[in-house]
PDB file of N, CA and C in Angstrom:
ATOM      1  N   UNK A   1      39.456   9.495 -23.959  1.00  0.00           N
ATOM      2  CA  UNK A   1      39.248   8.883 -22.657  1.00  0.00           C
ATOM      3  C   UNK A   1      37.863   9.235 -22.137  1.00  0.00           C
ATOM      4  N   UNK A   2      37.219   8.299 -21.500  1.00  0.00           N
ATOM      5  CA  UNK A   2      35.884   8.511 -20.962  1.00  0.00           C
ATOM      6  C   UNK A   2      35.952   9.428 -19.745  1.00  0.00           C
ATOM      7  N   UNK A   3      34.911  10.211 -19.585  1.00  0.00           N
ATOM      8  CA  UNK A   3      34.816  11.113 -18.449  1.00  0.00           C
ATOM      9  C   UNK A   3      33.787  10.548 -17.489  1.00  0.00           C
ATOM     10  N   UNK A   4      34.146  10.472 -16.214  1.00  0.00           N
ATOM     11  CA  UNK A   4      33.213   9.967 -15.222  1.00  0.00           C
ATOM     12  C   UNK A   4      32.256  11.083 -14.834  1.00  0.00           C
ATOM     13  N   UNK A   5      30.984  10.749 -14.820  1.00  0.00           N
ATOM     14  CA  UNK A   5      29.963  11.700 -14.440  1.00  0.00           C
ATOM     15  C   UNK A   5      28.933  10.948 -13.623  1.00  0.00           C
ATOM     16  N   UNK A   6      28.420  11.570 -12.596  1.00  0.00           N
ATOM     17  CA  UNK A   6      27.443  10.923 -11.720  1.00  0.00           C
ATOM     18  C   UNK A   6      26.029  11.279 -12.162  1.00  0.00           C
ATOM     19  N   UNK A   7      25.177  10.271 -12.147  1.00  0.00           N
ATOM     20  CA  UNK A   7      23.755  10.445 -12.405  1.00  0.00           C
ATOM     21  C   UNK A   7      23.012   9.784 -11.263  1.00  0.00           C
ATOM     22  N   UNK A   8      21.805  10.251 -11.013  1.00  0.00           N
ATOM     23  CA  UNK A   8      21.022   9.635  -9.948  1.00  0.00           C
ATOM     24  C   UNK A   8      20.619   8.209 -10.320  1.00  0.00           C
ATOM     25  N   UNK A   9      20.368   8.000 -11.612  1.00  0.00           N
ATOM     26  CA  UNK A   9      20.027   6.654 -12.056  1.00  0.00           C
ATOM     27  C   UNK A   9      20.249   6.534 -13.561  1.00  0.00           C
ATOM     28  N   UNK A  10      20.223   5.303 -14.040  1.00  0.00           N
ATOM     29  CA  UNK A  10      20.480   5.052 -15.455  1.00  0.00           C
ATOM     30  C   UNK A  10      19.402   5.680 -16.334  1.00  0.00           C
ATOM     31  N   UNK A  11      18.157   5.630 -15.891  1.00  0.00           N
ATOM     32  CA  UNK A  11      17.078   6.212 -16.692  1.00  0.00           C
ATOM     33  C   UNK A  11      17.277   7.705 -16.922  1.00  0.00           C
ATOM     34  N   UNK A  12      17.792   8.411 -15.922  1.00  0.00           N
ATOM     35  CA  UNK A  12      18.073   9.844 -16.067  1.00  0.00           C
ATOM     36  C   UNK A  12      19.123  10.063 -17.154  1.00  0.00           C
ATOM     37  N   UNK A  13      20.167   9.269 -17.141  1.00  0.00           N
ATOM     38  CA  UNK A  13      21.224   9.381 -18.138  1.00  0.00           C
ATOM     39  C   UNK A  13      20.675   9.084 -19.530  1.00  0.00           C
ATOM     40  N   UNK A  14      19.922   7.995 -19.670  1.00  0.00           N
ATOM     41  CA  UNK A  14      19.404   7.597 -20.970  1.00  0.00           C
ATOM     42  C   UNK A  14      18.405   8.609 -21.517  1.00  0.00           C
ATOM     43  N   UNK A  15      17.531   9.115 -20.658  1.00  0.00           N
ATOM     44  CA  UNK A  15      16.511  10.069 -21.097  1.00  0.00           C
ATOM     45  C   UNK A  15      17.131  11.400 -21.512  1.00  0.00           C
ATOM     46  N   UNK A  16      18.238  11.763 -20.883  1.00  0.00           N
ATOM     47  CA  UNK A  16      18.856  13.052 -21.168  1.00  0.00           C
ATOM     48  C   UNK A  16      19.861  13.032 -22.302  1.00  0.00           C
ATOM     49  N   UNK A  17      20.100  11.874 -22.897  1.00  0.00           N
ATOM     50  CA  UNK A  17      21.126  11.772 -23.928  1.00  0.00           C
ATOM     51  C   UNK A  17      20.569  12.101 -25.305  1.00  0.00           C
ATOM     52  N   UNK A  18      21.299  12.944 -26.029  1.00  0.00           N
ATOM     53  CA  UNK A  18      20.914  13.296 -27.397  1.00  0.00           C
ATOM     54  C   UNK A  18      21.546  12.346 -28.413  1.00  0.00           C
ATOM     55  N   UNK A  19      22.416  11.461 -27.946  1.00  0.00           N
ATOM     56  CA  UNK A  19      23.054  10.465 -28.812  1.00  0.00           C
ATOM     57  C   UNK A  19      22.759   9.079 -28.254  1.00  0.00           C
ATOM     58  N   UNK A  20      22.906   8.049 -29.075  1.00  0.00           N
ATOM     59  CA  UNK A  20      22.761   6.689 -28.540  1.00  0.00           C
ATOM     60  C   UNK A  20      23.772   6.449 -27.414  1.00  0.00           C
ATOM     61  N   UNK A  21      23.403   5.576 -26.494  1.00  0.00           N
ATOM     62  CA  UNK A  21      24.249   5.253 -25.343  1.00  0.00           C
ATOM     63  C   UNK A  21      24.546   3.762 -25.367  1.00  0.00           C
ATOM     64  N   UNK A  22      25.832   3.414 -25.355  1.00  0.00           N
ATOM     65  CA  UNK A  22      26.247   2.029 -25.228  1.00  0.00           C
ATOM     66  C   UNK A  22      26.572   1.801 -23.753  1.00  0.00           C
ATOM     67  N   UNK A  23      25.837   0.896 -23.130  1.00  0.00           N
ATOM     68  CA  UNK A  23      26.084   0.568 -21.730  1.00  0.00           C
ATOM     69  C   UNK A  23      26.852  -0.748 -21.687  1.00  0.00           C
ATOM     70  N   UNK A  24      28.056  -0.682 -21.144  1.00  0.00           N
ATOM     71  CA  UNK A  24      28.920  -1.855 -20.995  1.00  0.00           C
ATOM     72  C   UNK A  24      28.717  -2.408 -19.595  1.00  0.00           C
ATOM     73  N   UNK A  25      28.059  -3.566 -19.506  1.00  0.00           N
ATOM     74  CA  UNK A  25      27.888  -4.248 -18.231  1.00  0.00           C
ATOM     75  C   UNK A  25      29.103  -5.149 -18.035  1.00  0.00           C
ATOM     76  N   UNK A  26      29.819  -4.953 -16.936  1.00  0.00           N
ATOM     77  CA  UNK A  26      31.077  -5.660 -16.702  1.00  0.00           C
ATOM     78  C   UNK A  26      31.230  -5.983 -15.223  1.00  0.00           C
ATOM     79  N   UNK A  27      32.293  -6.708 -14.900  1.00  0.00           N
ATOM     80  CA  UNK A  27      32.677  -6.954 -13.507  1.00  0.00           C
ATOM     81  C   UNK A  27      34.202  -6.877 -13.434  1.00  0.00           C
ATOM     82  N   UNK A  28      34.700  -6.425 -12.315  1.00  0.00           N
ATOM     83  CA  UNK A  28      36.145  -6.282 -12.125  1.00  0.00           C
ATOM     84  C   UNK A  28      36.890  -7.608 -12.281  1.00  0.00           C
ATOM     85  N   UNK A  29      36.277  -8.719 -11.889  1.00  0.00           N
ATOM     86  CA  UNK A  29      36.922 -10.027 -11.936  1.00  0.00           C
ATOM     87  C   UNK A  29      36.921 -10.649 -13.333  1.00  0.00           C
ATOM     88  N   UNK A  30      36.218 -10.043 -14.267  1.00  0.00           N
ATOM     89  CA  UNK A  30      36.018 -10.617 -15.599  1.00  0.00           C
ATOM     90  C   UNK A  30      37.172 -10.252 -16.540  1.00  0.00           C
ATOM     91  N   UNK A  31      37.987 -11.261 -16.892  1.00  0.00           N
ATOM     92  CA  UNK A  31      39.122 -11.041 -17.795  1.00  0.00           C
ATOM     93  C   UNK A  31      38.721 -10.468 -19.147  1.00  0.00           C
ATOM     94  N   UNK A  32      37.730 -11.065 -19.836  1.00  0.00           N
ATOM     95  CA  UNK A  32      37.308 -10.496 -21.118  1.00  0.00           C
ATOM     96  C   UNK A  32      36.786  -9.060 -20.990  1.00  0.00           C
ATOM     97  N   UNK A  33      36.181  -8.743 -19.849  1.00  0.00           N
ATOM     98  CA  UNK A  33      35.693  -7.375 -19.631  1.00  0.00           C
ATOM     99  C   UNK A  33      36.862  -6.391 -19.593  1.00  0.00           C
ATOM    100  N   UNK A  34      37.957  -6.796 -18.974  1.00  0.00           N
ATOM    101  CA  UNK A  34      39.145  -5.936 -18.912  1.00  0.00           C
ATOM    102  C   UNK A  34      39.711  -5.718 -20.310  1.00  0.00           C
ATOM    103  N   UNK A  35      39.707  -6.760 -21.127  1.00  0.00           N
ATOM    104  CA  UNK A  35      40.186  -6.617 -22.504  1.00  0.00           C
ATOM    105  C   UNK A  35      39.234  -5.733 -23.309  1.00  0.00           C
ATOM    106  N   UNK A  36      37.946  -5.845 -23.035  1.00  0.00           N
ATOM    107  CA  UNK A  36      36.947  -5.058 -23.750  1.00  0.00           C
ATOM    108  C   UNK A  36      37.065  -3.573 -23.390  1.00  0.00           C
ATOM    109  N   UNK A  37      37.546  -3.264 -22.197  1.00  0.00           N
ATOM    110  CA  UNK A  37      37.699  -1.867 -21.784  1.00  0.00           C
ATOM    111  C   UNK A  37      38.635  -1.124 -22.739  1.00  0.00           C
ATOM    112  N   UNK A  38      39.710  -1.779 -23.162  1.00  0.00           N
ATOM    113  CA  UNK A  38      40.645  -1.166 -24.106  1.00  0.00           C
ATOM    114  C   UNK A  38      39.987  -0.977 -25.469  1.00  0.00           C
ATOM    115  N   UNK A  39      39.188  -1.957 -25.872  1.00  0.00           N
ATOM    116  CA  UNK A  39      38.460  -1.870 -27.148  1.00  0.00           C
ATOM    117  C   UNK A  39      37.497  -0.682 -27.098  1.00  0.00           C
ATOM    118  N   UNK A  40      36.799  -0.529 -25.983  1.00  0.00           N
ATOM    119  CA  UNK A  40      35.834   0.558 -25.856  1.00  0.00           C
ATOM    120  C   UNK A  40      36.507   1.933 -25.896  1.00  0.00           C
ATOM    121  N   UNK A  41      37.735   2.027 -25.401  1.00  0.00           N
ATOM    122  CA  UNK A  41      38.476   3.289 -25.509  1.00  0.00           C
ATOM    123  C   UNK A  41      38.708   3.637 -26.976  1.00  0.00           C
ATOM    124  N   UNK A  42      39.082   2.654 -27.785  1.00  0.00           N
ATOM    125  CA  UNK A  42      39.285   2.881 -29.216  1.00  0.00           C
ATOM    126  C   UNK A  42      37.980   3.271 -29.903  1.00  0.00           C
ATOM    127  N   UNK A  43      36.909   2.575 -29.558  1.00  0.00           N
ATOM    128  CA  UNK A  43      35.597   2.864 -30.144  1.00  0.00           C
ATOM    129  C   UNK A  43      35.160   4.271 -29.758  1.00  0.00           C
ATOM    130  N   UNK A  44      35.408   4.639 -28.521  1.00  0.00           N
ATOM    131  CA  UNK A  44      35.042   5.980 -28.049  1.00  0.00           C
ATOM    132  C   UNK A  44      35.753   7.055 -28.866  1.00  0.00           C
ATOM    133  N   UNK A  45      37.014   6.840 -29.182  1.00  0.00           N
ATOM    134  CA  UNK A  45      37.753   7.802 -30.002  1.00  0.00           C
ATOM    135  C   UNK A  45      37.189   7.862 -31.417  1.00  0.00           C
ATOM    136  N   UNK A  46      36.880   6.699 -31.987  1.00  0.00           N
ATOM    137  CA  UNK A  46      36.390   6.619 -33.361  1.00  0.00           C
ATOM    138  C   UNK A  46      34.995   7.223 -33.511  1.00  0.00           C
ATOM    139  N   UNK A  47      34.130   7.006 -32.533  1.00  0.00           N
ATOM    140  CA  UNK A  47      32.739   7.453 -32.633  1.00  0.00           C
ATOM    141  C   UNK A  47      32.430   8.643 -31.720  1.00  0.00           C
ATOM    142  N   UNK A  48      33.459   9.369 -31.331  1.00  0.00           N
ATOM    143  CA  UNK A  48      33.314  10.507 -30.427  1.00  0.00           C
ATOM    144  C   UNK A  48      32.249  11.484 -30.925  1.00  0.00           C
ATOM    145  N   UNK A  49      31.352  11.854 -30.029  1.00  0.00           N
ATOM    146  CA  UNK A  49      30.299  12.799 -30.354  1.00  0.00           C
ATOM    147  C   UNK A  49      29.060  12.156 -30.969  1.00  0.00           C
ATOM    148  N   UNK A  50      29.175  10.913 -31.400  1.00  0.00           N
ATOM    149  CA  UNK A  50      28.030  10.229 -32.014  1.00  0.00           C
ATOM    150  C   UNK A  50      27.489   9.106 -31.150  1.00  0.00           C
ATOM    151  N   UNK A  51      28.244   8.750 -30.107  1.00  0.00           N
ATOM    152  CA  UNK A  51      27.865   7.657 -29.214  1.00  0.00           C
ATOM    153  C   UNK A  51      28.451   7.933 -27.841  1.00  0.00           C
ATOM    154  N   UNK A  52      27.644   7.722 -26.817  1.00  0.00           N
ATOM    155  CA  UNK A  52      28.120   7.857 -25.434  1.00  0.00           C
ATOM    156  C   UNK A  52      28.320   6.453 -24.889  1.00  0.00           C
ATOM    157  N   UNK A  53      29.452   6.225 -24.219  1.00  0.00           N
ATOM    158  CA  UNK A  53      29.735   4.915 -23.624  1.00  0.00           C
ATOM    159  C   UNK A  53      29.719   5.040 -22.105  1.00  0.00           C
ATOM    160  N   UNK A  54      28.955   4.152 -21.480  1.00  0.00           N
ATOM    161  CA  UNK A  54      28.791   4.141 -20.033  1.00  0.00           C
ATOM    162  C   UNK A  54      29.115   2.739 -19.538  1.00  0.00           C
ATOM    163  N   UNK A  55      29.856   2.644 -18.444  1.00  0.00           N
ATOM    164  CA  UNK A  55      30.216   1.348 -17.870  1.00  0.00           C
ATOM    165  C   UNK A  55      29.453   1.161 -16.560  1.00  0.00           C
ATOM    166  N   UNK A  56      28.864  -0.027 -16.392  1.00  0.00           N
ATOM    167  CA  UNK A  56      28.148  -0.345 -15.158  1.00  0.00           C
ATOM    168  C   UNK A  56      28.695  -1.660 -14.606  1.00  0.00           C
ATOM    169  N   UNK A  57      29.206  -1.580 -13.388  1.00  0.00           N
ATOM    170  CA  UNK A  57      29.755  -2.742 -12.695  1.00  0.00           C
ATOM    171  C   UNK A  57      28.587  -3.568 -12.144  1.00  0.00           C
ATOM    172  N   UNK A  58      28.428  -4.784 -12.664  1.00  0.00           N
ATOM    173  CA  UNK A  58      27.304  -5.620 -12.260  1.00  0.00           C
ATOM    174  C   UNK A  58      27.401  -6.078 -10.805  1.00  0.00           C
ATOM    175  N   UNK A  59      28.595  -6.047 -10.234  1.00  0.00           N
ATOM    176  CA  UNK A  59      28.759  -6.417  -8.830  1.00  0.00           C
ATOM    177  C   UNK A  59      28.240  -5.305  -7.916  1.00  0.00           C
ATOM    178  N   UNK A  60      28.403  -4.062  -8.342  1.00  0.00           N
ATOM    179  CA  UNK A  60      27.931  -2.922  -7.550  1.00  0.00           C
ATOM    180  C   UNK A  60      26.458  -2.625  -7.798  1.00  0.00           C
ATOM    181  N   UNK A  61      25.974  -2.965  -8.989  1.00  0.00           N
ATOM    182  CA  UNK A  61      24.597  -2.665  -9.363  1.00  0.00           C
ATOM    183  C   UNK A  61      23.896  -3.915  -9.904  1.00  0.00           C
ATOM    184  N   UNK A  62      23.740  -4.941  -9.062  1.00  0.00           N
ATOM    185  CA  UNK A  62      23.115  -6.181  -9.539  1.00  0.00           C
ATOM    186  C   UNK A  62      21.666  -5.996  -9.972  1.00  0.00           C
ATOM    187  N   UNK A  63      20.987  -5.030  -9.404  1.00  0.00           N
ATOM    188  CA  UNK A  63      19.602  -4.769  -9.791  1.00  0.00           C
ATOM    189  C   UNK A  63      19.499  -4.313 -11.236  1.00  0.00           C
ATOM    190  N   UNK A  64      20.425  -3.463 -11.659  1.00  0.00           N
ATOM    191  CA  UNK A  64      20.435  -3.015 -13.053  1.00  0.00           C
ATOM    192  C   UNK A  64      20.758  -4.174 -13.986  1.00  0.00           C
ATOM    193  N   UNK A  65      21.698  -5.005 -13.584  1.00  0.00           N
ATOM    194  CA  UNK A  65      22.051  -6.171 -14.397  1.00  0.00           C
ATOM    195  C   UNK A  65      20.838  -7.088 -14.546  1.00  0.00           C
ATOM    196  N   UNK A  66      20.128  -7.310 -13.473  1.00  0.00           N
ATOM    197  CA  UNK A  66      18.940  -8.155 -13.511  1.00  0.00           C
ATOM    198  C   UNK A  66      17.836  -7.517 -14.359  1.00  0.00           C
ATOM    199  N   UNK A  67      17.624  -6.236 -14.182  1.00  0.00           N
ATOM    200  CA  UNK A  67      16.601  -5.505 -14.933  1.00  0.00           C
ATOM    201  C   UNK A  67      16.825  -5.611 -16.441  1.00  0.00           C
ATOM    202  N   UNK A  68      18.090  -5.661 -16.863  1.00  0.00           N
ATOM    203  CA  UNK A  68      18.412  -5.716 -18.290  1.00  0.00           C
ATOM    204  C   UNK A  68      18.814  -7.129 -18.745  1.00  0.00           C
ATOM    205  N   UNK A  69      18.488  -8.128 -17.910  1.00  0.00           N
ATOM    206  CA  UNK A  69      18.711  -9.543 -18.248  1.00  0.00           C
ATOM    207  C   UNK A  69      20.150  -9.845 -18.647  1.00  0.00           C
ATOM    208  N   UNK A  70      21.084  -9.337 -17.868  1.00  0.00           N
ATOM    209  CA  UNK A  70      22.501  -9.589 -18.130  1.00  0.00           C
ATOM    210  C   UNK A  70      22.868 -10.927 -17.511  1.00  0.00           C
ATOM    211  N   UNK A  71      23.173 -11.903 -18.365  1.00  0.00           N
ATOM    212  CA  UNK A  71      23.506 -13.241 -17.883  1.00  0.00           C
ATOM    213  C   UNK A  71      24.916 -13.655 -18.272  1.00  0.00           C
ATOM    214  N   UNK A  72      25.568 -12.868 -19.132  1.00  0.00           N
ATOM    215  CA  UNK A  72      26.937 -13.156 -19.558  1.00  0.00           C
ATOM    216  C   UNK A  72      27.720 -11.852 -19.573  1.00  0.00           C
ATOM    217  N   UNK A  73      29.016 -11.963 -19.347  1.00  0.00           N
ATOM    218  CA  UNK A  73      29.871 -10.774 -19.365  1.00  0.00           C
ATOM    219  C   UNK A  73      31.005 -10.991 -20.349  1.00  0.00           C
ATOM    220  N   UNK A  74      31.422  -9.968 -21.049  1.00  0.00           N
ATOM    221  CA  UNK A  74      30.812  -8.641 -21.105  1.00  0.00           C
ATOM    222  C   UNK A  74      29.556  -8.647 -21.981  1.00  0.00           C
ATOM    223  N   UNK A  75      28.605  -7.811 -21.605  1.00  0.00           N
ATOM    224  CA  UNK A  75      27.411  -7.571 -22.411  1.00  0.00           C
ATOM    225  C   UNK A  75      27.265  -6.072 -22.572  1.00  0.00           C
ATOM    226  N   UNK A  76      27.016  -5.653 -23.801  1.00  0.00           N
ATOM    227  CA  UNK A  76      26.797  -4.234 -24.093  1.00  0.00           C
ATOM    228  C   UNK A  76      25.399  -4.073 -24.663  1.00  0.00           C
ATOM    229  N   UNK A  77      24.690  -3.074 -24.160  1.00  0.00           N
ATOM    230  CA  UNK A  77      23.348  -2.786 -24.641  1.00  0.00           C
ATOM    231  C   UNK A  77      23.350  -1.360 -25.161  1.00  0.00           C
ATOM    232  N   UNK A  78      22.848  -1.188 -26.380  1.00  0.00           N
ATOM    233  CA  UNK A  78      22.759   0.144 -26.977  1.00  0.00           C
ATOM    234  C   UNK A  78      21.344   0.657 -26.765  1.00  0.00           C
ATOM    235  N   UNK A  79      21.253   1.869 -26.214  1.00  0.00           N
ATOM    236  CA  UNK A  79      19.972   2.525 -25.977  1.00  0.00           C
ATOM    237  C   UNK A  79      19.874   3.737 -26.892  1.00  0.00           C
ATOM    238  N   UNK A  80      18.692   3.942 -27.430  1.00  0.00           N
ATOM    239  CA  UNK A  80      18.431   5.140 -28.236  1.00  0.00           C
ATOM    240  C   UNK A  80      17.050   5.632 -27.834  1.00  0.00           C
ATOM    241  N   UNK A  81      16.962   6.899 -27.490  1.00  0.00           N
ATOM    242  CA  UNK A  81      15.689   7.434 -27.022  1.00  0.00           C
ATOM    243  C   UNK A  81      15.225   6.780 -25.737  1.00  0.00           C
ATOM    244  N   UNK A  82      16.174   6.309 -24.927  1.00  0.00           N
ATOM    245  CA  UNK A  82      15.854   5.688 -23.651  1.00  0.00           C
ATOM    246  C   UNK A  82      15.457   4.224 -23.742  1.00  0.00           C
ATOM    247  N   UNK A  83      15.423   3.661 -24.961  1.00  0.00           N
ATOM    248  CA  UNK A  83      15.006   2.270 -25.137  1.00  0.00           C
ATOM    249  C   UNK A  83      16.158   1.418 -25.662  1.00  0.00           C
ATOM    250  N   UNK A  84      16.230   0.184 -25.187  1.00  0.00           N
ATOM    251  CA  UNK A  84      17.245  -0.752 -25.677  1.00  0.00           C
ATOM    252  C   UNK A  84      16.928  -1.100 -27.127  1.00  0.00           C
ATOM    253  N   UNK A  85      17.938  -0.909 -28.005  1.00  0.00           N
ATOM    254  CA  UNK A  85      17.729  -1.177 -29.426  1.00  0.00           C
ATOM    255  C   UNK A  85      18.657  -2.254 -29.971  1.00  0.00           C
ATOM    256  N   UNK A  86      19.699  -2.597 -29.218  1.00  0.00           N
ATOM    257  CA  UNK A  86      20.648  -3.599 -29.704  1.00  0.00           C
ATOM    258  C   UNK A  86      21.440  -4.159 -28.527  1.00  0.00           C
ATOM    259  N   UNK A  87      21.783  -5.431 -28.621  1.00  0.00           N
ATOM    260  CA  UNK A  87      22.516  -6.102 -27.550  1.00  0.00           C
ATOM    261  C   UNK A  87      23.700  -6.845 -28.170  1.00  0.00           C
ATOM    262  N   UNK A  88      24.861  -6.721 -27.541  1.00  0.00           N
ATOM    263  CA  UNK A  88      26.082  -7.365 -28.025  1.00  0.00           C
ATOM    264  C   UNK A  88      26.716  -8.090 -26.840  1.00  0.00           C
ATOM    265  N   UNK A  89      26.996  -9.376 -27.010  1.00  0.00           N
ATOM    266  CA  UNK A  89      27.623 -10.148 -25.941  1.00  0.00           C
ATOM    267  C   UNK A  89      28.971 -10.664 -26.401  1.00  0.00           C
ATOM    268  N   UNK A  90      29.919 -10.687 -25.480  1.00  0.00           N
ATOM    269  CA  UNK A  90      31.220 -11.281 -25.748  1.00  0.00           C
ATOM    270  C   UNK A  90      32.275 -10.290 -26.184  1.00  0.00           C
ATOM    271  N   UNK A  91      33.465 -10.826 -26.308  1.00  0.00           N
ATOM    272  CA  UNK A  91      34.654 -10.050 -26.643  1.00  0.00           C
ATOM    273  C   UNK A  91      34.792  -9.936 -28.152  1.00  0.00           C
ATOM    274  N   UNK A  92      35.168  -8.751 -28.619  1.00  0.00           N
ATOM    275  CA  UNK A  92      35.435  -8.531 -30.045  1.00  0.00           C
ATOM    276  C   UNK A  92      36.393  -7.364 -30.181  1.00  0.00           C
ATOM    277  N   UNK A  93      36.956  -7.211 -31.364  1.00  0.00           N
ATOM    278  CA  UNK A  93      37.872  -6.118 -31.636  1.00  0.00           C
ATOM    279  C   UNK A  93      37.140  -4.817 -31.907  1.00  0.00           C
ATOM    280  N   UNK A  94      37.891  -3.734 -31.878  1.00  0.00           N
ATOM    281  CA  UNK A  94      37.310  -2.404 -32.074  1.00  0.00           C
ATOM    282  C   UNK A  94      36.675  -2.256 -33.453  1.00  0.00           C
ATOM    283  N   UNK A  95      37.338  -2.748 -34.494  1.00  0.00           N
ATOM    284  CA  UNK A  95      36.792  -2.621 -35.845  1.00  0.00           C
ATOM    285  C   UNK A  95      35.450  -3.328 -35.980  1.00  0.00           C
ATOM    286  N   UNK A  96      35.368  -4.538 -35.447  1.00  0.00           N
ATOM    287  CA  UNK A  96      34.111  -5.286 -35.517  1.00  0.00           C
ATOM    288  C   UNK A  96      33.009  -4.585 -34.736  1.00  0.00           C
ATOM    289  N   UNK A  97      33.337  -4.076 -33.557  1.00  0.00           N
ATOM    290  CA  UNK A  97      32.338  -3.383 -32.743  1.00  0.00           C
ATOM    291  C   UNK A  97      31.858  -2.123 -33.446  1.00  0.00           C
ATOM    292  N   UNK A  98      32.771  -1.347 -34.005  1.00  0.00           N
ATOM    293  CA  UNK A  98      32.378  -0.133 -34.740  1.00  0.00           C
ATOM    294  C   UNK A  98      31.467  -0.495 -35.905  1.00  0.00           C
ATOM    295  N   UNK A  99      31.802  -1.554 -36.634  1.00  0.00           N
ATOM    296  CA  UNK A  99      30.960  -1.995 -37.757  1.00  0.00           C
ATOM    297  C   UNK A  99      29.550  -2.343 -37.295  1.00  0.00           C
ATOM    298  N   UNK A 100      29.443  -2.944 -36.125  1.00  0.00           N
ATOM    299  CA  UNK A 100      28.123  -3.320 -35.599  1.00  0.00           C
ATOM    300  C   UNK A 100      27.358  -2.114 -35.074  1.00  0.00           C
ATOM    301  N   UNK A 101      28.080  -1.076 -34.646  1.00  0.00           N
ATOM    302  CA  UNK A 101      27.430   0.103 -34.078  1.00  0.00           C
ATOM    303  C   UNK A 101      27.025   1.149 -35.123  1.00  0.00           C
ATOM    304  N   UNK A 102      27.766   1.237 -36.213  1.00  0.00           N
ATOM    305  CA  UNK A 102      27.510   2.284 -37.221  1.00  0.00           C
ATOM    306  C   UNK A 102      26.043   2.401 -37.653  1.00  0.00           C
ATOM    307  N   UNK A 103      25.353   1.274 -37.926  1.00  0.00           N
ATOM    308  CA  UNK A 103      23.952   1.422 -38.353  1.00  0.00           C
ATOM    309  C   UNK A 103      23.033   2.016 -37.265  1.00  0.00           C
ATOM    310  N   UNK A 104      23.500   2.017 -36.020  1.00  0.00           N
ATOM    311  CA  UNK A 104      22.675   2.475 -34.900  1.00  0.00           C
ATOM    312  C   UNK A 104      22.891   3.933 -34.539  1.00  0.00           C
ATOM    313  N   UNK A 105      23.901   4.560 -35.153  1.00  0.00           N
ATOM    314  CA  UNK A 105      24.219   5.954 -34.797  1.00  0.00           C
ATOM    315  C   UNK A 105      24.044   6.848 -36.007  1.00  0.00           C
ATOM    316  N   UNK A 106      23.965   8.146 -35.739  1.00  0.00           N
ATOM    317  CA  UNK A 106      23.788   9.142 -36.807  1.00  0.00           C
ATOM    318  C   UNK A 106      25.081   9.391 -37.523  1.00  0.00           C
TER     319      UNK A 106
END
């Protein structure tokens, strides 16, 4: 299960991470986003310690969504070393997501 932790901003979280960070941009009203939340729980268990997963509500943080060109939900962006290295849009199963993430993690 994911642990909630507060950061002053996304850049602080990304800069301080020793592992890649998958940022899940979602909205409460988005049905596929709700389904993706369960998938991300499975992925978190499978890749524990090798990938950090962070969820950002685009309704609460529209500036972040705009800054990262989020135009569809769900959209996940993988950051490594504070830089966006991969973008994934749409709903998929845990196995497919893990397969897409493996080349990006240690």
